[in-house]
PDB file of N, CA and C in Angstrom:
ATOM      1  N   MET A   1       1.043  -1.209   0.063  1.00  0.00           N
ATOM      2  CA  MET A   1       0.037   0.667  -0.014  1.00  0.00           C
ATOM      3  C   MET A   1       0.770   1.218   0.071  1.00  0.00           C
ATOM      4  N   THR A   2       0.452   1.937  -0.952  1.00  0.00           N
ATOM      5  CA  THR A   2       1.433   3.436  -1.250  1.00  0.00           C
ATOM      6  C   THR A   2       0.378   4.285  -0.114  1.00  0.00           C
ATOM      7  N   SER A   3       1.661   5.892   0.436  1.00  0.00           N
ATOM      8  CA  SER A   3       0.726   6.530   1.044  1.00  0.00           C
ATOM      9  C   SER A   3       1.486   7.577   0.695  1.00  0.00           C
ATOM     10  N   LEU A   4       1.120   9.195   0.545  1.00  0.00           N
ATOM     11  CA  LEU A   4       1.786  10.046   0.783  1.00  0.00           C
ATOM     12  C   LEU A   4       2.314  10.490   1.786  1.00  0.00           C
ATOM     13  N   PRO A   5       3.153  11.307   1.566  1.00  0.00           N
ATOM     14  CA  PRO A   5       4.475  12.148   2.378  1.00  0.00           C
ATOM     15  C   PRO A   5       2.899  12.689   3.582  1.00  0.00           C
ATOM     16  N   GLY A   6       3.545  12.243   4.812  1.00  0.00           N
ATOM     17  CA  GLY A   6       2.436  13.337   5.641  1.00  0.00           C
ATOM     18  C   GLY A   6       0.972  12.349   6.238  1.00  0.00           C
ATOM     19  N   ASP A   7       0.584  11.481   5.648  1.00  0.00           N
ATOM     20  CA  ASP A   7      -0.244  10.760   5.656  1.00  0.00           C
ATOM     21  C   ASP A   7      -0.530   9.572   6.353  1.00  0.00           C
ATOM     22  N   SER A   8       0.774   9.038   7.165  1.00  0.00           N
ATOM     23  CA  SER A   8       0.793   7.894   7.872  1.00  0.00           C
ATOM     24  C   SER A   8       0.395   7.950   9.342  1.00  0.00           C
ATOM     25  N   ASP A   9      -0.382   6.543   9.807  1.00  0.00           N
ATOM     26  CA  ASP A   9      -1.198   7.151  10.715  1.00  0.00           C
ATOM     27  C   ASP A   9      -0.482   6.400  11.566  1.00  0.00           C
ATOM     28  N   SER A  10       0.968   5.503  11.362  1.00  0.00           N
ATOM     29  CA  SER A  10       2.253   5.196  12.424  1.00  0.00           C
ATOM     30  C   SER A  10       2.715   6.773  12.784  1.00  0.00           C
ATOM     31  N   THR A  11       2.838   7.271  13.203  1.00  0.00           N
ATOM     32  CA  THR A  11       3.404   8.458  13.661  1.00  0.00           C
ATOM     33  C   THR A  11       3.059   9.411  14.204  1.00  0.00           C
ATOM     34  N   GLY A  12       1.900   9.104  14.595  1.00  0.00           N
ATOM     35  CA  GLY A  12       1.020   9.801  15.396  1.00  0.00           C
ATOM     36  C   GLY A  12       0.122  11.295  14.777  1.00  0.00           C
ATOM     37  N   SER A  13       0.776  11.512  13.702  1.00  0.00           N
ATOM     38  CA  SER A  13       0.497  13.252  13.088  1.00  0.00           C
ATOM     39  C   SER A  13      -0.309  13.741  12.146  1.00  0.00           C
ATOM     40  N   ALA A  14      -1.464  12.269  11.916  1.00  0.00           N
ATOM     41  CA  ALA A  14      -2.195  12.098  10.719  1.00  0.00           C
ATOM     42  C   ALA A  14      -3.241  13.530  11.280  1.00  0.00           C
ATOM     43  N   ARG A  15      -3.866  13.972  10.249  1.00  0.00           N
ATOM     44  CA  ARG A  15      -4.486  15.428  10.141  1.00  0.00           C
ATOM     45  C   ARG A  15      -6.137  15.000  10.040  1.00  0.00           C
ATOM     46  N   ARG A  16      -6.352  15.611  11.444  1.00  0.00           N
ATOM     47  CA  ARG A  16      -8.113  15.758  11.441  1.00  0.00           C
ATOM     48  C   ARG A  16      -8.646  16.662  10.823  1.00  0.00           C
ATOM     49  N   PRO A  17      -9.535  16.204   9.376  1.00  0.00           N
ATOM     50  CA  PRO A  17     -10.002  17.274   9.012  1.00  0.00           C
ATOM     51  C   PRO A  17     -10.505  18.840   9.891  1.00  0.00           C
ATOM     52  N   ASP A  18     -11.269  18.042  10.970  1.00  0.00           N
ATOM     53  CA  ASP A  18     -12.027  19.118  11.845  1.00  0.00           C
ATOM     54  C   ASP A  18     -11.101  20.039  12.629  1.00  0.00           C
ATOM     55  N   VAL A  19     -10.140  19.775  12.899  1.00  0.00           N
ATOM     56  CA  VAL A  19      -8.988  20.193  13.852  1.00  0.00           C
ATOM     57  C   VAL A  19      -8.015  21.103  12.712  1.00  0.00           C
ATOM     58  N   ALA A  20      -7.693  22.395  13.097  1.00  0.00           N
ATOM     59  CA  ALA A  20      -6.578  22.841  12.528  1.00  0.00           C
ATOM     60  C   ALA A  20      -5.456  23.475  13.237  1.00  0.00           C
ATOM     61  N   GLU A  21      -4.290  23.377  12.613  1.00  0.00           N
ATOM     62  CA  GLU A  21      -3.159  23.356  13.492  1.00  0.00           C
ATOM     63  C   GLU A  21      -3.205  24.602  14.321  1.00  0.00           C
ATOM     64  N   ALA A  22      -2.990  26.278  12.893  1.00  0.00           N
ATOM     65  CA  ALA A  22      -3.149  27.576  13.518  1.00  0.00           C
ATOM     66  C   ALA A  22      -4.828  28.061  13.098  1.00  0.00           C
ATOM     67  N   GLU A  23      -5.829  27.635  13.349  1.00  0.00           N
ATOM     68  CA  GLU A  23      -6.406  28.090  12.986  1.00  0.00           C
ATOM     69  C   GLU A  23      -6.940  29.172  14.003  1.00  0.00           C
ATOM     70  N   HIS A  24      -7.349  30.155  13.514  1.00  0.00           N
ATOM     71  CA  HIS A  24      -7.740  31.680  13.827  1.00  0.00           C
ATOM     72  C   HIS A  24      -8.837  31.834  13.837  1.00  0.00           C
ATOM     73  N   ILE A  25      -9.695  31.736  14.982  1.00  0.00           N
ATOM     74  CA  ILE A  25     -11.099  31.888  15.106  1.00  0.00           C
ATOM     75  C   ILE A  25     -11.048  32.995  15.615  1.00  0.00           C
ATOM     76  N   VAL A  26     -12.345  33.947  14.821  1.00  0.00           N
ATOM     77  CA  VAL A  26     -13.304  35.218  14.965  1.00  0.00           C
ATOM     78  C   VAL A  26     -14.597  34.836  15.133  1.00  0.00           C
ATOM     79  N   CYS A  27     -15.297  35.644  16.221  1.00  0.00           N
ATOM     80  CA  CYS A  27     -16.724  35.886  16.041  1.00  0.00           C
ATOM     81  C   CYS A  27     -17.288  36.006  14.741  1.00  0.00           C
ATOM     82  N   ALA A  28     -18.602  34.968  14.285  1.00  0.00           N
ATOM     83  CA  ALA A  28     -19.018  35.455  12.845  1.00  0.00           C
ATOM     84  C   ALA A  28     -20.107  36.684  12.814  1.00  0.00           C
ATOM     85  N   ARG A  29     -20.455  37.076  14.189  1.00  0.00           N
ATOM     86  CA  ARG A  29     -21.358  38.370  14.520  1.00  0.00           C
ATOM     87  C   ARG A  29     -20.486  39.325  14.439  1.00  0.00           C
ATOM     88  N   CYS A  30     -19.795  39.286  15.366  1.00  0.00           N
ATOM     89  CA  CYS A  30     -19.107  40.688  15.736  1.00  0.00           C
ATOM     90  C   CYS A  30     -17.473  41.068  15.429  1.00  0.00           C
ATOM     91  N   GLY A  31     -16.958  39.752  14.610  1.00  0.00           N
ATOM     92  CA  GLY A  31     -15.843  39.927  13.970  1.00  0.00           C
ATOM     93  C   GLY A  31     -14.281  40.093  15.861  1.00  0.00           C
ATOM     94  N   THR A  32     -15.031  39.535  17.142  1.00  0.00           N
ATOM     95  CA  THR A  32     -14.034  39.567  18.207  1.00  0.00           C
ATOM     96  C   THR A  32     -13.156  38.153  17.479  1.00  0.00           C
ATOM     97  N   PRO A  33     -11.733  38.177  17.760  1.00  0.00           N
ATOM     98  CA  PRO A  33     -10.896  37.136  17.562  1.00  0.00           C
ATOM     99  C   PRO A  33     -11.031  36.474  18.663  1.00  0.00           C
ATOM    100  N   ALA A  34     -11.020  35.087  18.771  1.00  0.00           N
ATOM    101  CA  ALA A  34     -10.360  34.276  19.911  1.00  0.00           C
ATOM    102  C   ALA A  34      -8.974  34.374  20.816  1.00  0.00           C
ATOM    103  N   ASP A  35      -9.022  34.377  21.634  1.00  0.00           N
ATOM    104  CA  ASP A  35      -7.504  34.340  22.504  1.00  0.00           C
ATOM    105  C   ASP A  35      -7.045  32.985  22.109  1.00  0.00           C
ATOM    106  N   GLY A  36      -7.396  32.184  22.183  1.00  0.00           N
ATOM    107  CA  GLY A  36      -6.661  30.844  21.499  1.00  0.00           C
ATOM    108  C   GLY A  36      -7.313  30.201  20.781  1.00  0.00           C
ATOM    109  N   PRO A  37      -6.266  29.202  20.348  1.00  0.00           N
ATOM    110  CA  PRO A  37      -6.735  28.229  19.075  1.00  0.00           C
ATOM    111  C   PRO A  37      -8.296  27.278  19.238  1.00  0.00           C
ATOM    112  N   ARG A  38      -9.015  27.254  20.788  1.00  0.00           N
ATOM    113  CA  ARG A  38      -9.911  26.632  20.786  1.00  0.00           C
ATOM    114  C   ARG A  38     -10.389  27.062  22.022  1.00  0.00           C
ATOM    115  N   PRO A  39     -11.215  28.201  21.133  1.00  0.00           N
ATOM    116  CA  PRO A  39     -12.203  28.696  22.331  1.00  0.00           C
ATOM    117  C   PRO A  39     -13.390  28.190  22.679  1.00  0.00           C
ATOM    118  N   THR A  40     -14.036  28.328  23.911  1.00  0.00           N
ATOM    119  CA  THR A  40     -15.231  27.374  24.754  1.00  0.00           C
ATOM    120  C   THR A  40     -16.831  28.108  23.766  1.00  0.00           C
ATOM    121  N   TRP A  41     -16.729  28.876  22.426  1.00  0.00           N
ATOM    122  CA  TRP A  41     -17.568  29.447  22.329  1.00  0.00           C
ATOM    123  C   TRP A  41     -18.915  28.488  21.281  1.00  0.00           C
ATOM    124  N   THR A  42     -19.456  29.048  20.907  1.00  0.00           N
ATOM    125  CA  THR A  42     -21.022  28.572  20.680  1.00  0.00           C
ATOM    126  C   THR A  42     -20.572  28.384  19.028  1.00  0.00           C
ATOM    127  N   CYS A  43     -20.519  26.735  18.621  1.00  0.00           N
ATOM    128  CA  CYS A  43     -20.498  26.492  17.021  1.00  0.00           C
ATOM    129  C   CYS A  43     -21.911  26.145  16.498  1.00  0.00           C
ATOM    130  N   SER A  44     -21.703  26.944  15.012  1.00  0.00           N
ATOM    131  CA  SER A  44     -22.828  26.604  14.515  1.00  0.00           C
ATOM    132  C   SER A  44     -22.266  26.128  13.302  1.00  0.00           C
ATOM    133  N   VAL A  45     -23.444  24.851  12.958  1.00  0.00           N
ATOM    134  CA  VAL A  45     -22.685  24.324  11.648  1.00  0.00           C
ATOM    135  C   VAL A  45     -23.770  24.598  10.499  1.00  0.00           C
ATOM    136  N   GLU A  46     -23.753  25.355   9.225  1.00  0.00           N
ATOM    137  CA  GLU A  46     -24.453  26.389   8.153  1.00  0.00           C
ATOM    138  C   GLU A  46     -24.218  26.071   7.199  1.00  0.00           C
ATOM    139  N   ASN A  47     -25.176  25.296   6.416  1.00  0.00           N
ATOM    140  CA  ASN A  47     -24.771  25.036   4.835  1.00  0.00           C
ATOM    141  C   ASN A  47     -23.021  24.339   4.696  1.00  0.00           C
ATOM    142  N   GLY A  48     -22.979  23.605   5.966  1.00  0.00           N
ATOM    143  CA  GLY A  48     -21.887  22.523   5.782  1.00  0.00           C
ATOM    144  C   GLY A  48     -20.311  22.943   6.411  1.00  0.00           C
ATOM    145  N   SER A  49     -20.625  24.311   6.889  1.00  0.00           N
ATOM    146  CA  SER A  49     -19.355  25.336   7.057  1.00  0.00           C
ATOM    147  C   SER A  49     -19.379  25.897   8.626  1.00  0.00           C
ATOM    148  N   ARG A  50     -18.237  25.632   9.657  1.00  0.00           N
ATOM    149  CA  ARG A  50     -18.610  26.079  10.690  1.00  0.00           C
ATOM    150  C   ARG A  50     -18.673  27.957  11.334  1.00  0.00           C
ATOM    151  N   HIS A  51     -20.090  28.390  12.085  1.00  0.00           N
ATOM    152  CA  HIS A  51     -19.159  29.248  11.830  1.00  0.00           C
ATOM    153  C   HIS A  51     -19.397  29.233  14.181  1.00  0.00           C
ATOM    154  N   TYR A  52     -18.386  30.043  14.182  1.00  0.00           N
ATOM    155  CA  TYR A  52     -18.147  30.754  15.840  1.00  0.00           C
ATOM    156  C   TYR A  52     -18.559  31.942  16.563  1.00  0.00           C
ATOM    157  N   PHE A  53     -19.830  31.557  17.746  1.00  0.00           N
ATOM    158  CA  PHE A  53     -19.996  32.883  18.301  1.00  0.00           C
ATOM    159  C   PHE A  53     -19.419  33.414  19.083  1.00  0.00           C
ATOM    160  N   CYS A  54     -19.206  34.592  19.814  1.00  0.00           N
ATOM    161  CA  CYS A  54     -18.516  34.071  21.338  1.00  0.00           C
ATOM    162  C   CYS A  54     -19.346  34.591  22.133  1.00  0.00           C
ATOM    163  N   ASP A  55     -18.941  34.260  23.602  1.00  0.00           N
ATOM    164  CA  ASP A  55     -20.425  34.530  24.393  1.00  0.00           C
ATOM    165  C   ASP A  55     -20.944  35.600  24.413  1.00  0.00           C
ATOM    166  N   SER A  56     -20.760  36.722  24.273  1.00  0.00           N
ATOM    167  CA  SER A  56     -21.691  37.827  24.297  1.00  0.00           C
ATOM    168  C   SER A  56     -22.359  37.588  23.160  1.00  0.00           C
ATOM    169  N   CYS A  57     -21.888  37.793  21.762  1.00  0.00           N
ATOM    170  CA  CYS A  57     -23.358  36.997  20.898  1.00  0.00           C
ATOM    171  C   CYS A  57     -23.941  36.066  21.277  1.00  0.00           C
ATOM    172  N   ALA A  58     -24.002  34.754  21.255  1.00  0.00           N
ATOM    173  CA  ALA A  58     -24.097  33.835  22.101  1.00  0.00           C
ATOM    174  C   ALA A  58     -25.330  34.309  22.834  1.00  0.00           C
ATOM    175  N   ARG A  59     -25.044  34.893  24.129  1.00  0.00           N
ATOM    176  CA  ARG A  59     -25.979  35.107  25.235  1.00  0.00           C
ATOM    177  C   ARG A  59     -27.072  36.413  24.562  1.00  0.00           C
ATOM    178  N   THR A  60     -26.546  37.232  23.597  1.00  0.00           N
ATOM    179  CA  THR A  60     -27.633  38.619  23.185  1.00  0.00           C
ATOM    180  C   THR A  60     -28.976  37.979  22.065  1.00  0.00           C
ATOM    181  N   HIS A  61     -28.410  36.781  21.499  1.00  0.00           N
ATOM    182  CA  HIS A  61     -28.992  35.912  20.618  1.00  0.00           C
ATOM    183  C   HIS A  61     -29.704  34.645  20.630  1.00  0.00           C
ATOM    184  N   LEU A  62     -29.268  34.070  22.001  1.00  0.00           N
ATOM    185  CA  LEU A  62     -30.331  33.116  22.480  1.00  0.00           C
ATOM    186  C   LEU A  62     -31.251  32.402  22.209  1.00  0.00           C
ATOM    187  N   ARG A  63     -32.466  33.515  22.266  1.00  0.00           N
ATOM    188  CA  ARG A  63     -33.687  33.375  22.089  1.00  0.00           C
ATOM    189  C   ARG A  63     -33.424  32.847  19.898  1.00  0.00           C
ATOM    190  N   ALA A  64     -32.674  33.334  19.314  1.00  0.00           N
ATOM    191  CA  ALA A  64     -32.784  32.688  17.866  1.00  0.00           C
ATOM    192  C   ALA A  64     -32.024  31.560  17.701  1.00  0.00           C
ATOM    193  N   ILE A  65     -30.964  31.266  18.437  1.00  0.00           N
ATOM    194  CA  ILE A  65     -30.276  30.200  18.269  1.00  0.00           C
ATOM    195  C   ILE A  65     -31.396  28.841  18.790  1.00  0.00           C
ATOM    196  N   GLU A  66     -31.861  28.818  19.587  1.00  0.00           N
ATOM    197  CA  GLU A  66     -32.859  27.750  20.323  1.00  0.00           C
ATOM    198  C   GLU A  66     -34.511  28.132  19.409  1.00  0.00           C
ATOM    199  N   GLY A  67     -34.351  28.795  19.032  1.00  0.00           N
ATOM    200  CA  GLY A  67     -35.985  29.061  18.169  1.00  0.00           C
ATOM    201  C   GLY A  67     -35.507  28.241  16.994  1.00  0.00           C
ATOM    202  N   ARG A  68     -34.382  27.474  16.212  1.00  0.00           N
ATOM    203  CA  ARG A  68     -33.669  26.897  15.367  1.00  0.00           C
ATOM    204  C   ARG A  68     -33.577  25.542  15.711  1.00  0.00           C
ATOM    205  N   LEU A  69     -33.701  25.194  16.860  1.00  0.00           N
ATOM    206  CA  LEU A  69     -33.698  24.010  17.866  1.00  0.00           C
ATOM    207  C   LEU A  69     -34.760  22.722  17.269  1.00  0.00           C
ATOM    208  N   ASP A  70     -35.261  21.994  16.923  1.00  0.00           N
ATOM    209  CA  ASP A  70     -36.324  21.283  16.965  1.00  0.00           C
ATOM    210  C   ASP A  70     -36.604  21.260  18.416  1.00  0.00           C
ATOM    211  N   SER A  71     -37.929  20.815  18.777  1.00  0.00           N
ATOM    212  CA  SER A  71     -38.256  20.491  20.132  1.00  0.00           C
ATOM    213  C   SER A  71     -37.535  19.519  21.025  1.00  0.00           C
ATOM    214  N   ALA A  72     -37.312  18.075  20.719  1.00  0.00           N
ATOM    215  CA  ALA A  72     -37.085  17.680  21.014  1.00  0.00           C
ATOM    216  C   ALA A  72     -35.820  18.240  22.032  1.00  0.00           C
ATOM    217  N   TRP A  73     -35.107  19.026  21.947  1.00  0.00           N
ATOM    218  CA  TRP A  73     -33.728  19.221  22.048  1.00  0.00           C
ATOM    219  C   TRP A  73     -34.287  20.855  23.494  1.00  0.00           C
ATOM    220  N   TRP A  74     -35.407  21.135  23.292  1.00  0.00           N
ATOM    221  CA  TRP A  74     -35.906  21.825  24.427  1.00  0.00           C
ATOM    222  C   TRP A  74     -37.154  21.370  25.207  1.00  0.00           C
TER     223      TRP A  74
END
């Protein structure tokens, strides 16, 4: 079996598509940059792409966020 350089699972350096090494996350609503690479912000998947919302925007728009959930979630 042939693999491309950097695709080896045996080295432990295999990349996961959902985790970027130097991902710079900003709030999709207000543009506030995250302090670190993995903030504990609200994440929404819309049309197949991830959108992150800072704590302030998530609190402000909580009712709109909940309104998009199926009734099984509330």
